[in-house]
Amino acid sequence: MRILIIGAGRLGFELAKFLSTLGHQVVIIEKDKERCGLIAQELDVMVINGDGTNLKTLEEAGADKADTFAAVTDSQETNLFSCLLAKKLGAKRVIARIRDPSSEEIFKSLGIDAVVNPELTAAIYMEKLISRPSLLELVTLGKGTAEIIELQVNHDSPIVGKSVGEINDPQNYSIVAVLGDDLIIPASETVIEPGQRILIIVRTAAISKLEKTLKRKLRL
């Protein structure tokens, strides 16, 4: 997949690094010449020193052939304009970073395929980890409507000795993995043992129901 990234700040750098390790063809456009040099030394990607809102620069970078075009500079105005230009040139999918959550609908109404707000996402993630200190890990899904949480099964847990089928409430939460010496994708008859770690997918609105089943608080 050919991916064109505008902005080689921290987000752009990490995005390019991750995508390149997956084997994608990554091109970065960055205005800062010194930053371009550093990126070129660190990553196996094409780096272009230029302005992502310049039509000629986008043409030279191959925006018309981009499967995905991601504008992730600190300026959401720059991101919007560059995405609109890339879309006009023929980029298949354009993604813009925003800083103001209220701009999401405006961006989408103008033809931007997707928007990301990493600061807001990070803040929401931190709040959940702070308010739910018993969690080992947490992943938010579906714009916050569901979560995957990782929990340690203590010896006194009420689910010890029960089967996954007995524990699950399919409309609200389900155990999707059991981690012990090995990773187990549980069947209905899989029995939970103390010391294991379990991954549960749960509707955010049903956290309180899961707390009653586990007889433990998952949030403050």
N, C-alpha and C. Protein backbone atom coordinates (compact mmCIF):
# COMPACT_ATOMS: atom_id res chain seq x y z
N MET A 1 0.84 -1.19 0.00
CA MET A 1 0.00 0.00 0.00
C MET A 1 0.88 1.25 0.00
N ARG A 2 0.52 2.22 -0.83
CA ARG A 2 1.27 3.47 -0.90
C ARG A 2 0.61 4.49 0.04
N ILE A 3 1.37 4.99 1.00
CA ILE A 3 0.83 5.91 2.00
C ILE A 3 1.66 7.19 2.01
N LEU A 4 0.98 8.31 1.91
CA LEU A 4 1.63 9.62 1.91
C LEU A 4 1.27 10.34 3.21
N ILE A 5 2.29 10.76 3.95
CA ILE A 5 2.09 11.41 5.24
C ILE A 5 2.60 12.85 5.17
N ILE A 6 1.76 13.78 5.61
CA ILE A 6 2.16 15.19 5.68
C ILE A 6 2.46 15.53 7.14
N GLY A 7 3.70 15.94 7.40
CA GLY A 7 4.09 16.30 8.76
C GLY A 7 4.91 15.21 9.41
N ALA A 8 6.15 15.55 9.76
CA ALA A 8 7.04 14.55 10.36
C ALA A 8 7.35 14.90 11.81
N GLY A 9 6.33 15.37 12.51
CA GLY A 9 6.48 15.57 13.95
C GLY A 9 6.47 14.23 14.65
N ARG A 10 6.22 14.22 15.95
CA ARG A 10 6.25 12.98 16.71
C ARG A 10 5.23 11.97 16.18
N LEU A 11 4.01 12.45 15.90
CA LEU A 11 2.96 11.55 15.41
C LEU A 11 3.30 11.04 14.02
N GLY A 12 3.71 11.94 13.13
CA GLY A 12 4.05 11.54 11.78
C GLY A 12 5.21 10.56 11.74
N PHE A 13 6.20 10.80 12.59
CA PHE A 13 7.36 9.92 12.66
C PHE A 13 6.95 8.52 13.10
N GLU A 14 6.20 8.42 14.20
CA GLU A 14 5.81 7.12 14.72
C GLU A 14 4.89 6.39 13.74
N LEU A 15 4.03 7.13 13.07
CA LEU A 15 3.13 6.53 12.09
C LEU A 15 3.93 5.95 10.92
N ALA A 16 4.87 6.74 10.42
CA ALA A 16 5.71 6.28 9.31
C ALA A 16 6.55 5.08 9.71
N LYS A 17 7.09 5.11 10.91
CA LYS A 17 7.92 4.02 11.41
C LYS A 17 7.11 2.72 11.48
N PHE A 18 5.93 2.81 12.02
CA PHE A 18 5.08 1.62 12.17
C PHE A 18 4.64 1.08 10.82
N LEU A 19 4.19 1.96 9.94
CA LEU A 19 3.70 1.52 8.63
C LEU A 19 4.81 0.93 7.77
N SER A 20 6.00 1.50 7.87
CA SER A 20 7.11 0.98 7.07
C SER A 20 7.53 -0.41 7.52
N THR A 21 7.43 -0.68 8.84
CA THR A 21 7.77 -2.01 9.34
C THR A 21 6.77 -3.06 8.87
N LEU A 22 5.57 -2.62 8.50
CA LEU A 22 4.55 -3.54 7.98
C LEU A 22 4.71 -3.77 6.49
N GLY A 23 5.69 -3.09 5.89
CA GLY A 23 5.97 -3.31 4.48
C GLY A 23 5.29 -2.36 3.52
N HIS A 24 4.64 -1.32 4.05
CA HIS A 24 3.98 -0.35 3.19
C HIS A 24 5.01 0.61 2.58
N GLN A 25 4.67 1.14 1.43
CA GLN A 25 5.50 2.14 0.77
C GLN A 25 5.10 3.51 1.33
N VAL A 26 5.98 4.11 2.11
CA VAL A 26 5.66 5.34 2.83
C VAL A 26 6.45 6.51 2.28
N VAL A 27 5.75 7.62 2.07
CA VAL A 27 6.37 8.87 1.65
C VAL A 27 5.98 9.95 2.65
N ILE A 28 6.96 10.72 3.13
CA ILE A 28 6.70 11.81 4.07
C ILE A 28 7.03 13.14 3.42
N ILE A 29 6.15 14.12 3.61
CA ILE A 29 6.43 15.50 3.21
C ILE A 29 6.56 16.33 4.49
N GLU A 30 7.69 17.02 4.62
CA GLU A 30 7.97 17.82 5.82
C GLU A 30 8.63 19.14 5.41
N LYS A 31 8.16 20.24 6.01
CA LYS A 31 8.68 21.56 5.65
C LYS A 31 10.07 21.83 6.22
N ASP A 32 10.34 21.27 7.41
CA ASP A 32 11.61 21.54 8.09
C ASP A 32 12.73 20.68 7.48
N LYS A 33 13.70 21.33 6.86
CA LYS A 33 14.77 20.62 6.16
C LYS A 33 15.61 19.78 7.11
N GLU A 34 15.91 20.32 8.29
CA GLU A 34 16.72 19.58 9.26
C GLU A 34 15.97 18.34 9.74
N ARG A 35 14.68 18.50 9.97
CA ARG A 35 13.87 17.37 10.40
C ARG A 35 13.84 16.28 9.32
N CYS A 36 13.78 16.70 8.07
CA CYS A 36 13.80 15.75 6.96
C CYS A 36 15.07 14.89 7.00
N GLY A 37 16.20 15.55 7.27
CA GLY A 37 17.46 14.84 7.33
C GLY A 37 17.48 13.79 8.43
N LEU A 38 16.93 14.15 9.58
CA LEU A 38 16.89 13.22 10.70
C LEU A 38 15.99 12.02 10.39
N ILE A 39 14.83 12.29 9.79
CA ILE A 39 13.89 11.22 9.44
C ILE A 39 14.52 10.27 8.42
N ALA A 40 15.21 10.84 7.44
CA ALA A 40 15.84 10.03 6.40
C ALA A 40 16.90 9.10 6.97
N GLN A 41 17.57 9.55 8.03
CA GLN A 41 18.58 8.71 8.68
C GLN A 41 17.96 7.60 9.51
N GLU A 42 16.82 7.90 10.10
CA GLU A 42 16.19 6.96 11.04
C GLU A 42 15.31 5.91 10.36
N LEU A 43 14.61 6.31 9.28
CA LEU A 43 13.60 5.44 8.70
C LEU A 43 13.89 5.10 7.24
N ASP A 44 13.42 3.94 6.84
CA ASP A 44 13.57 3.50 5.46
C ASP A 44 12.32 3.93 4.68
N VAL A 45 12.16 5.24 4.52
CA VAL A 45 11.03 5.80 3.81
C VAL A 45 11.53 6.93 2.91
N MET A 46 10.72 7.32 1.94
CA MET A 46 11.06 8.48 1.10
C MET A 46 10.66 9.74 1.84
N VAL A 47 11.57 10.70 1.94
CA VAL A 47 11.30 11.96 2.64
C VAL A 47 11.45 13.11 1.65
N ILE A 48 10.43 13.95 1.58
CA ILE A 48 10.45 15.10 0.68
C ILE A 48 10.37 16.38 1.50
N ASN A 49 11.32 17.26 1.29
CA ASN A 49 11.32 18.56 1.97
C ASN A 49 10.44 19.50 1.15
N GLY A 50 9.27 19.80 1.70
CA GLY A 50 8.35 20.65 0.97
C GLY A 50 7.11 20.97 1.78
N ASP A 51 6.19 21.69 1.14
CA ASP A 51 4.95 22.15 1.77
C ASP A 51 3.80 21.25 1.33
N GLY A 52 3.13 20.64 2.28
CA GLY A 52 2.03 19.73 1.97
C GLY A 52 0.80 20.41 1.42
N THR A 53 0.77 21.74 1.44
CA THR A 53 -0.36 22.47 0.86
C THR A 53 -0.02 23.01 -0.52
N ASN A 54 1.15 22.63 -1.03
CA ASN A 54 1.58 23.06 -2.35
C ASN A 54 1.23 21.98 -3.37
N LEU A 55 0.44 22.36 -4.36
CA LEU A 55 -0.06 21.39 -5.33
C LEU A 55 1.08 20.69 -6.07
N LYS A 56 2.10 21.43 -6.45
CA LYS A 56 3.22 20.85 -7.18
C LYS A 56 3.96 19.82 -6.31
N THR A 57 4.14 20.15 -5.03
CA THR A 57 4.81 19.22 -4.12
C THR A 57 4.03 17.92 -4.00
N LEU A 58 2.71 18.03 -3.90
CA LEU A 58 1.87 16.84 -3.79
C LEU A 58 1.92 16.01 -5.06
N GLU A 59 1.96 16.67 -6.18
CA GLU A 59 2.05 15.96 -7.46
C GLU A 59 3.37 15.20 -7.55
N GLU A 60 4.46 15.86 -7.16
CA GLU A 60 5.77 15.23 -7.20
C GLU A 60 5.86 14.04 -6.24
N ALA A 61 5.12 14.14 -5.11
CA ALA A 61 5.13 13.07 -4.11
C ALA A 61 4.24 11.90 -4.52
N GLY A 62 3.44 12.09 -5.58
CA GLY A 62 2.57 11.01 -6.04
C GLY A 62 1.27 10.90 -5.30
N ALA A 63 0.71 12.04 -4.89
CA ALA A 63 -0.55 12.01 -4.15
C ALA A 63 -1.67 11.36 -4.96
N ASP A 64 -1.58 11.47 -6.28
CA ASP A 64 -2.62 10.89 -7.14
C ASP A 64 -2.62 9.36 -7.09
N LYS A 65 -1.49 8.78 -6.65
CA LYS A 65 -1.38 7.32 -6.58
C LYS A 65 -1.50 6.80 -5.15
N ALA A 66 -1.73 7.70 -4.20
CA ALA A 66 -1.76 7.31 -2.79
C ALA A 66 -3.01 6.49 -2.46
N ASP A 67 -2.81 5.35 -1.83
CA ASP A 67 -3.95 4.58 -1.32
C ASP A 67 -4.53 5.27 -0.09
N THR A 68 -3.62 5.83 0.71
CA THR A 68 -4.04 6.60 1.88
C THR A 68 -3.17 7.84 2.01
N PHE A 69 -3.81 8.96 2.28
CA PHE A 69 -3.13 10.23 2.47
C PHE A 69 -3.46 10.71 3.88
N ALA A 70 -2.45 10.89 4.73
CA ALA A 70 -2.67 11.28 6.12
C ALA A 70 -1.95 12.58 6.42
N ALA A 71 -2.72 13.62 6.76
CA ALA A 71 -2.14 14.91 7.12
C ALA A 71 -2.18 15.04 8.64
N VAL A 72 -0.99 15.03 9.26
CA VAL A 72 -0.93 14.96 10.72
C VAL A 72 -0.05 16.08 11.31
N THR A 73 -0.04 17.25 10.67
CA THR A 73 0.72 18.38 11.20
C THR A 73 0.00 18.93 12.43
N ASP A 74 0.62 19.89 13.11
CA ASP A 74 -0.01 20.51 14.28
C ASP A 74 -1.12 21.48 13.89
N SER A 75 -1.21 21.83 12.61
CA SER A 75 -2.21 22.79 12.15
C SER A 75 -3.35 22.06 11.46
N GLN A 76 -4.55 22.13 12.03
CA GLN A 76 -5.67 21.41 11.39
C GLN A 76 -6.10 22.11 10.10
N GLU A 77 -5.82 23.41 9.99
CA GLU A 77 -6.12 24.10 8.74
C GLU A 77 -5.24 23.56 7.61
N THR A 78 -3.94 23.39 7.92
CA THR A 78 -3.01 22.80 6.95
C THR A 78 -3.45 21.40 6.58
N ASN A 79 -3.87 20.64 7.57
CA ASN A 79 -4.29 19.26 7.33
C ASN A 79 -5.52 19.20 6.43
N LEU A 80 -6.47 20.09 6.69
CA LEU A 80 -7.68 20.13 5.88
C LEU A 80 -7.35 20.49 4.43
N PHE A 81 -6.58 21.55 4.24
CA PHE A 81 -6.27 22.02 2.88
C PHE A 81 -5.49 20.97 2.10
N SER A 82 -4.50 20.36 2.74
CA SER A 82 -3.70 19.36 2.03
C SER A 82 -4.53 18.14 1.68
N CYS A 83 -5.45 17.76 2.56
CA CYS A 83 -6.33 16.62 2.28
C CYS A 83 -7.26 16.92 1.09
N LEU A 84 -7.78 18.13 1.05
CA LEU A 84 -8.66 18.51 -0.05
C LEU A 84 -7.92 18.48 -1.39
N LEU A 85 -6.67 18.96 -1.37
CA LEU A 85 -5.86 18.93 -2.58
C LEU A 85 -5.56 17.49 -3.00
N ALA A 86 -5.20 16.66 -2.02
CA ALA A 86 -4.88 15.25 -2.32
C ALA A 86 -6.10 14.53 -2.88
N LYS A 87 -7.26 14.83 -2.32
CA LYS A 87 -8.50 14.22 -2.79
C LYS A 87 -8.76 14.62 -4.25
N LYS A 88 -8.51 15.88 -4.53
CA LYS A 88 -8.71 16.39 -5.90
C LYS A 88 -7.75 15.72 -6.87
N LEU A 89 -6.54 15.45 -6.39
CA LEU A 89 -5.54 14.81 -7.25
C LEU A 89 -5.83 13.34 -7.50
N GLY A 90 -6.61 12.73 -6.60
CA GLY A 90 -6.96 11.33 -6.81
C GLY A 90 -6.60 10.37 -5.69
N ALA A 91 -6.16 10.88 -4.55
CA ALA A 91 -5.87 9.99 -3.41
C ALA A 91 -7.14 9.23 -3.04
N LYS A 92 -7.01 7.92 -2.80
CA LYS A 92 -8.19 7.09 -2.56
C LYS A 92 -8.85 7.38 -1.21
N ARG A 93 -8.05 7.63 -0.20
CA ARG A 93 -8.58 7.86 1.15
C ARG A 93 -7.76 8.93 1.82
N VAL A 94 -8.40 9.92 2.42
CA VAL A 94 -7.68 11.00 3.09
C VAL A 94 -8.08 11.08 4.56
N ILE A 95 -7.08 11.24 5.41
CA ILE A 95 -7.28 11.29 6.86
C ILE A 95 -6.62 12.55 7.39
N ALA A 96 -7.32 13.29 8.23
CA ALA A 96 -6.77 14.54 8.78
C ALA A 96 -6.73 14.51 10.30
N ARG A 97 -5.66 15.03 10.84
CA ARG A 97 -5.55 15.21 12.28
C ARG A 97 -6.25 16.51 12.65
N ILE A 98 -7.07 16.49 13.68
CA ILE A 98 -7.71 17.70 14.17
C ILE A 98 -7.33 17.94 15.62
N ARG A 99 -7.45 19.18 16.06
CA ARG A 99 -7.18 19.52 17.45
C ARG A 99 -8.47 19.93 18.17
N ASP A 100 -9.44 20.38 17.41
CA ASP A 100 -10.72 20.81 17.97
C ASP A 100 -11.78 19.76 17.63
N PRO A 101 -12.27 19.01 18.61
CA PRO A 101 -13.25 17.94 18.34
C PRO A 101 -14.49 18.43 17.60
N SER A 102 -14.84 19.70 17.80
CA SER A 102 -16.04 20.22 17.15
C SER A 102 -15.87 20.36 15.63
N SER A 103 -14.63 20.22 15.15
CA SER A 103 -14.37 20.34 13.72
C SER A 103 -14.63 19.04 12.96
N GLU A 104 -14.85 17.96 13.66
CA GLU A 104 -14.98 16.66 13.00
C GLU A 104 -16.06 16.64 11.94
N GLU A 105 -17.25 17.11 12.27
CA GLU A 105 -18.36 17.07 11.31
C GLU A 105 -18.10 17.97 10.12
N ILE A 106 -17.46 19.11 10.35
CA ILE A 106 -17.14 20.02 9.26
C ILE A 106 -16.18 19.36 8.28
N PHE A 107 -15.13 18.74 8.83
CA PHE A 107 -14.14 18.07 7.98
C PHE A 107 -14.79 16.98 7.14
N LYS A 108 -15.64 16.18 7.77
CA LYS A 108 -16.28 15.08 7.05
C LYS A 108 -17.26 15.58 6.00
N SER A 109 -17.92 16.70 6.29
CA SER A 109 -18.87 17.25 5.32
C SER A 109 -18.15 17.78 4.09
N LEU A 110 -16.85 18.08 4.23
CA LEU A 110 -16.06 18.58 3.11
C LEU A 110 -15.38 17.46 2.33
N GLY A 111 -15.63 16.22 2.74
CA GLY A 111 -15.11 15.09 1.98
C GLY A 111 -13.93 14.38 2.60
N ILE A 112 -13.53 14.78 3.81
CA ILE A 112 -12.44 14.08 4.50
C ILE A 112 -12.99 12.73 4.98
N ASP A 113 -12.29 11.65 4.65
CA ASP A 113 -12.81 10.31 4.95
C ASP A 113 -12.79 9.98 6.44
N ALA A 114 -11.77 10.45 7.13
CA ALA A 114 -11.67 10.16 8.56
C ALA A 114 -10.84 11.24 9.24
N VAL A 115 -11.13 11.47 10.51
CA VAL A 115 -10.35 12.43 11.29
C VAL A 115 -9.84 11.75 12.56
N VAL A 116 -8.71 12.22 13.07
CA VAL A 116 -8.16 11.68 14.31
C VAL A 116 -7.80 12.85 15.22
N ASN A 117 -8.01 12.63 16.50
CA ASN A 117 -7.62 13.62 17.50
C ASN A 117 -6.81 12.89 18.56
N PRO A 118 -5.49 12.74 18.34
CA PRO A 118 -4.68 11.94 19.26
C PRO A 118 -4.63 12.48 20.68
N GLU A 119 -4.69 13.80 20.84
CA GLU A 119 -4.66 14.36 22.19
C GLU A 119 -5.90 13.96 22.98
N LEU A 120 -7.07 14.04 22.32
CA LEU A 120 -8.31 13.66 22.99
C LEU A 120 -8.33 12.17 23.29
N THR A 121 -7.88 11.37 22.32
CA THR A 121 -7.83 9.92 22.51
C THR A 121 -6.94 9.55 23.69
N ALA A 122 -5.78 10.20 23.77
CA ALA A 122 -4.85 9.93 24.87
C ALA A 122 -5.45 10.34 26.21
N ALA A 123 -6.14 11.47 26.22
CA ALA A 123 -6.74 11.95 27.46
C ALA A 123 -7.82 11.00 27.96
N ILE A 124 -8.64 10.51 27.02
CA ILE A 124 -9.71 9.57 27.39
C ILE A 124 -9.11 8.26 27.90
N TYR A 125 -8.05 7.80 27.24
CA TYR A 125 -7.39 6.56 27.65
C TYR A 125 -6.80 6.70 29.05
N MET A 126 -6.13 7.82 29.31
CA MET A 126 -5.54 8.05 30.63
C MET A 126 -6.61 8.13 31.71
N GLU A 127 -7.72 8.78 31.39
CA GLU A 127 -8.80 8.90 32.37
C GLU A 127 -9.34 7.53 32.75
N LYS A 128 -9.46 6.64 31.76
CA LYS A 128 -9.98 5.31 32.04
C LYS A 128 -9.01 4.50 32.90
N LEU A 129 -7.71 4.62 32.61
CA LEU A 129 -6.72 3.90 33.41
C LEU A 129 -6.67 4.43 34.84
N ILE A 130 -6.84 5.75 34.99
CA ILE A 130 -6.83 6.35 36.33
C ILE A 130 -8.07 5.94 37.11
N SER A 131 -9.22 5.95 36.44
CA SER A 131 -10.48 5.65 37.14
C SER A 131 -10.71 4.16 37.33
N ARG A 132 -9.89 3.32 36.64
CA ARG A 132 -10.04 1.87 36.77
C ARG A 132 -8.69 1.25 37.08
N PRO A 133 -8.16 1.48 38.27
CA PRO A 133 -6.81 1.04 38.61
C PRO A 133 -6.62 -0.46 38.67
N SER A 134 -7.70 -1.25 38.70
CA SER A 134 -7.54 -2.71 38.78
C SER A 134 -7.25 -3.33 37.42
N LEU A 135 -7.38 -2.55 36.36
CA LEU A 135 -7.15 -3.09 35.03
C LEU A 135 -5.67 -3.21 34.74
N LEU A 136 -5.27 -4.31 34.07
CA LEU A 136 -3.90 -4.46 33.60
C LEU A 136 -3.72 -3.73 32.28
N GLU A 137 -4.75 -3.74 31.46
CA GLU A 137 -4.69 -3.08 30.16
C GLU A 137 -6.11 -2.80 29.70
N LEU A 138 -6.24 -1.81 28.82
CA LEU A 138 -7.55 -1.43 28.33
C LEU A 138 -7.43 -0.93 26.91
N VAL A 139 -8.37 -1.34 26.05
CA VAL A 139 -8.46 -0.85 24.68
C VAL A 139 -9.89 -0.41 24.44
N THR A 140 -10.08 0.80 23.92
CA THR A 140 -11.41 1.31 23.64
C THR A 140 -11.79 1.03 22.20
N LEU A 141 -13.03 0.59 22.00
CA LEU A 141 -13.51 0.24 20.66
C LEU A 141 -14.76 1.04 20.32
N GLY A 142 -15.03 1.16 19.02
CA GLY A 142 -16.29 1.72 18.55
C GLY A 142 -16.63 3.06 19.14
N LYS A 143 -15.65 3.98 19.12
CA LYS A 143 -15.85 5.34 19.64
C LYS A 143 -16.31 5.33 21.09
N GLY A 144 -15.79 4.38 21.85
CA GLY A 144 -16.06 4.35 23.28
C GLY A 144 -17.26 3.53 23.68
N THR A 145 -17.90 2.84 22.74
CA THR A 145 -19.09 2.06 23.07
C THR A 145 -18.76 0.69 23.65
N ALA A 146 -17.51 0.26 23.47
CA ALA A 146 -17.08 -1.03 24.00
C ALA A 146 -15.61 -0.96 24.37
N GLU A 147 -15.19 -1.90 25.21
CA GLU A 147 -13.81 -1.93 25.67
C GLU A 147 -13.33 -3.37 25.76
N ILE A 148 -12.03 -3.55 25.56
CA ILE A 148 -11.40 -4.83 25.85
C ILE A 148 -10.51 -4.60 27.06
N ILE A 149 -10.76 -5.32 28.14
CA ILE A 149 -10.00 -5.13 29.36
C ILE A 149 -9.27 -6.41 29.74
N GLU A 150 -8.14 -6.25 30.37
CA GLU A 150 -7.34 -7.39 30.82
C GLU A 150 -7.32 -7.39 32.34
N LEU A 151 -7.65 -8.52 32.93
CA LEU A 151 -7.74 -8.64 34.39
C LEU A 151 -6.98 -9.86 34.89
N GLN A 152 -6.42 -9.73 36.07
CA GLN A 152 -5.81 -10.86 36.76
C GLN A 152 -6.88 -11.57 37.57
N VAL A 153 -6.93 -12.90 37.49
CA VAL A 153 -7.91 -13.68 38.26
C VAL A 153 -7.30 -14.04 39.60
N ASN A 154 -7.79 -13.43 40.66
CA ASN A 154 -7.28 -13.71 42.00
C ASN A 154 -7.86 -15.02 42.54
N HIS A 155 -7.19 -15.57 43.56
CA HIS A 155 -7.62 -16.86 44.12
C HIS A 155 -9.03 -16.79 44.71
N ASP A 156 -9.42 -15.61 45.20
CA ASP A 156 -10.73 -15.50 45.83
C ASP A 156 -11.80 -14.97 44.87
N SER A 157 -11.48 -14.93 43.57
CA SER A 157 -12.45 -14.43 42.60
C SER A 157 -13.63 -15.38 42.48
N PRO A 158 -14.84 -14.85 42.39
CA PRO A 158 -16.03 -15.70 42.27
C PRO A 158 -16.12 -16.45 40.94
N ILE A 159 -15.29 -16.11 39.97
CA ILE A 159 -15.36 -16.82 38.69
C ILE A 159 -14.40 -18.02 38.64
N VAL A 160 -13.56 -18.18 39.67
CA VAL A 160 -12.65 -19.32 39.72
C VAL A 160 -13.47 -20.61 39.78
N GLY A 161 -13.13 -21.56 38.92
CA GLY A 161 -13.84 -22.83 38.89
C GLY A 161 -15.09 -22.83 38.02
N LYS A 162 -15.45 -21.67 37.50
CA LYS A 162 -16.61 -21.59 36.63
C LYS A 162 -16.18 -21.69 35.17
N SER A 163 -17.09 -22.15 34.35
CA SER A 163 -16.80 -22.22 32.92
C SER A 163 -17.08 -20.86 32.28
N VAL A 164 -16.46 -20.64 31.14
CA VAL A 164 -16.67 -19.38 30.42
C VAL A 164 -18.14 -19.22 30.05
N GLY A 165 -18.78 -20.33 29.70
CA GLY A 165 -20.20 -20.28 29.35
C GLY A 165 -21.06 -19.81 30.50
N GLU A 166 -20.67 -20.18 31.74
CA GLU A 166 -21.41 -19.74 32.91
C GLU A 166 -21.21 -18.26 33.19
N ILE A 167 -20.02 -17.75 32.87
CA ILE A 167 -19.66 -16.37 33.19
C ILE A 167 -20.18 -15.38 32.17
N ASN A 168 -20.07 -15.75 30.88
CA ASN A 168 -20.40 -14.80 29.82
C ASN A 168 -21.86 -14.36 29.83
N ASP A 169 -22.06 -13.11 29.46
CA ASP A 169 -23.38 -12.53 29.21
C ASP A 169 -23.30 -11.97 27.79
N PRO A 170 -23.61 -12.76 26.77
CA PRO A 170 -23.33 -12.40 25.37
C PRO A 170 -23.84 -11.05 24.93
N GLN A 171 -24.89 -10.56 25.55
CA GLN A 171 -25.42 -9.25 25.18
C GLN A 171 -24.61 -8.10 25.77
N ASN A 172 -23.77 -8.43 26.76
CA ASN A 172 -23.06 -7.36 27.46
C ASN A 172 -21.54 -7.55 27.55
N TYR A 173 -21.09 -8.79 27.80
CA TYR A 173 -19.65 -9.02 27.92
C TYR A 173 -19.34 -10.49 27.67
N SER A 174 -18.11 -10.72 27.17
CA SER A 174 -17.67 -12.08 26.91
C SER A 174 -16.16 -12.18 27.11
N ILE A 175 -15.73 -13.29 27.67
CA ILE A 175 -14.30 -13.57 27.79
C ILE A 175 -13.82 -14.05 26.43
N VAL A 176 -12.81 -13.35 25.88
CA VAL A 176 -12.36 -13.69 24.52
C VAL A 176 -10.98 -14.35 24.50
N ALA A 177 -10.26 -14.30 25.62
CA ALA A 177 -8.96 -14.96 25.69
C ALA A 177 -8.60 -15.21 27.14
N VAL A 178 -7.87 -16.30 27.36
CA VAL A 178 -7.37 -16.65 28.68
C VAL A 178 -5.86 -16.82 28.57
N LEU A 179 -5.14 -16.13 29.41
CA LEU A 179 -3.68 -16.14 29.36
C LEU A 179 -3.11 -16.79 30.61
N GLY A 180 -2.42 -17.89 30.42
CA GLY A 180 -1.73 -18.56 31.51
C GLY A 180 -0.35 -18.91 31.01
N ASP A 181 -0.01 -20.20 31.02
CA ASP A 181 1.24 -20.63 30.39
C ASP A 181 1.16 -20.46 28.88
N ASP A 182 -0.05 -20.59 28.36
CA ASP A 182 -0.29 -20.42 26.92
C ASP A 182 -1.51 -19.52 26.72
N LEU A 183 -1.66 -19.04 25.50
CA LEU A 183 -2.85 -18.28 25.14
C LEU A 183 -3.95 -19.26 24.76
N ILE A 184 -5.12 -19.11 25.39
CA ILE A 184 -6.26 -19.98 25.10
C ILE A 184 -7.40 -19.12 24.56
N ILE A 185 -7.91 -19.50 23.40
CA ILE A 185 -9.17 -18.93 22.92
C ILE A 185 -10.26 -19.82 23.51
N PRO A 186 -10.97 -19.32 24.51
CA PRO A 186 -11.82 -20.22 25.30
C PRO A 186 -13.06 -20.72 24.58
N ALA A 187 -13.38 -21.95 24.88
CA ALA A 187 -14.68 -22.52 24.48
C ALA A 187 -15.63 -22.31 25.65
N SER A 188 -16.88 -22.63 25.42
CA SER A 188 -17.89 -22.42 26.47
C SER A 188 -17.55 -23.21 27.73
N GLU A 189 -16.92 -24.39 27.55
CA GLU A 189 -16.62 -25.25 28.70
C GLU A 189 -15.27 -24.97 29.36
N THR A 190 -14.49 -24.03 28.82
CA THR A 190 -13.20 -23.69 29.43
C THR A 190 -13.40 -23.18 30.85
N VAL A 191 -12.66 -23.75 31.80
CA VAL A 191 -12.80 -23.39 33.21
C VAL A 191 -11.72 -22.38 33.60
N ILE A 192 -12.13 -21.34 34.30
CA ILE A 192 -11.21 -20.29 34.74
C ILE A 192 -10.48 -20.73 36.01
N GLU A 193 -9.16 -20.55 36.00
CA GLU A 193 -8.33 -20.94 37.13
C GLU A 193 -7.64 -19.72 37.75
N PRO A 194 -7.33 -19.79 39.06
CA PRO A 194 -6.66 -18.65 39.70
C PRO A 194 -5.27 -18.42 39.11
N GLY A 195 -4.88 -17.16 39.05
CA GLY A 195 -3.56 -16.81 38.53
C GLY A 195 -3.56 -16.52 37.04
N GLN A 196 -4.64 -16.88 36.36
CA GLN A 196 -4.72 -16.60 34.93
C GLN A 196 -5.05 -15.12 34.71
N ARG A 197 -4.80 -14.66 33.50
CA ARG A 197 -5.24 -13.34 33.08
C ARG A 197 -6.30 -13.55 32.00
N ILE A 198 -7.33 -12.74 32.04
CA ILE A 198 -8.41 -12.90 31.06
C ILE A 198 -8.63 -11.58 30.32
N LEU A 199 -8.97 -11.73 29.05
CA LEU A 199 -9.36 -10.59 28.23
C LEU A 199 -10.87 -10.64 28.05
N ILE A 200 -11.52 -9.55 28.38
CA ILE A 200 -12.98 -9.47 28.29
C ILE A 200 -13.37 -8.31 27.39
N ILE A 201 -14.25 -8.58 26.43
CA ILE A 201 -14.83 -7.48 25.66
C ILE A 201 -16.17 -7.16 26.31
N VAL A 202 -16.37 -5.87 26.61
CA VAL A 202 -17.55 -5.47 27.37
C VAL A 202 -18.11 -4.17 26.80
N ARG A 203 -19.42 -4.11 26.72
CA ARG A 203 -20.07 -2.85 26.37
C ARG A 203 -19.81 -1.86 27.49
N THR A 204 -19.41 -0.65 27.14
CA THR A 204 -19.10 0.34 28.17
C THR A 204 -20.28 0.57 29.10
N ALA A 205 -21.48 0.53 28.55
CA ALA A 205 -22.68 0.73 29.36
C ALA A 205 -22.94 -0.42 30.32
N ALA A 206 -22.24 -1.55 30.12
CA ALA A 206 -22.49 -2.74 30.94
C ALA A 206 -21.36 -3.01 31.93
N ILE A 207 -20.47 -2.04 32.12
CA ILE A 207 -19.36 -2.22 33.07
C ILE A 207 -19.88 -2.59 34.45
N SER A 208 -20.95 -1.95 34.89
CA SER A 208 -21.49 -2.22 36.23
C SER A 208 -21.98 -3.67 36.35
N LYS A 209 -22.53 -4.22 35.28
CA LYS A 209 -22.97 -5.62 35.30
C LYS A 209 -21.78 -6.56 35.43
N LEU A 210 -20.71 -6.23 34.71
CA LEU A 210 -19.50 -7.05 34.81
C LEU A 210 -18.90 -6.96 36.21
N GLU A 211 -18.96 -5.79 36.82
CA GLU A 211 -18.46 -5.62 38.18
C GLU A 211 -19.22 -6.53 39.16
N LYS A 212 -20.52 -6.66 38.97
CA LYS A 212 -21.32 -7.51 39.85
C LYS A 212 -20.94 -8.97 39.67
N THR A 213 -20.68 -9.39 38.44
CA THR A 213 -20.28 -10.77 38.17
C THR A 213 -18.91 -11.07 38.81
N LEU A 214 -17.99 -10.12 38.67
CA LEU A 214 -16.63 -10.32 39.19
C LEU A 214 -16.53 -9.99 40.67
N LYS A 215 -17.54 -9.30 41.19
CA LYS A 215 -17.54 -8.83 42.59
C LYS A 215 -16.27 -8.01 42.89
N ARG A 216 -15.96 -7.11 41.95
CA ARG A 216 -14.83 -6.21 42.12
C ARG A 216 -15.10 -4.94 41.34
N LYS A 217 -14.57 -3.83 41.84
CA LYS A 217 -14.73 -2.55 41.17
C LYS A 217 -13.71 -2.43 40.05
N LEU A 218 -14.19 -2.00 38.88
CA LEU A 218 -13.31 -1.78 37.75
C LEU A 218 -13.05 -0.29 37.53
N ARG A 219 -13.75 0.54 38.31
CA ARG A 219 -13.54 1.99 38.20
C ARG A 219 -13.73 2.61 39.57
N LEU A 220 -13.15 3.78 39.73
CA LEU A 220 -13.24 4.47 41.02
C LEU A 220 -14.62 5.10 41.18
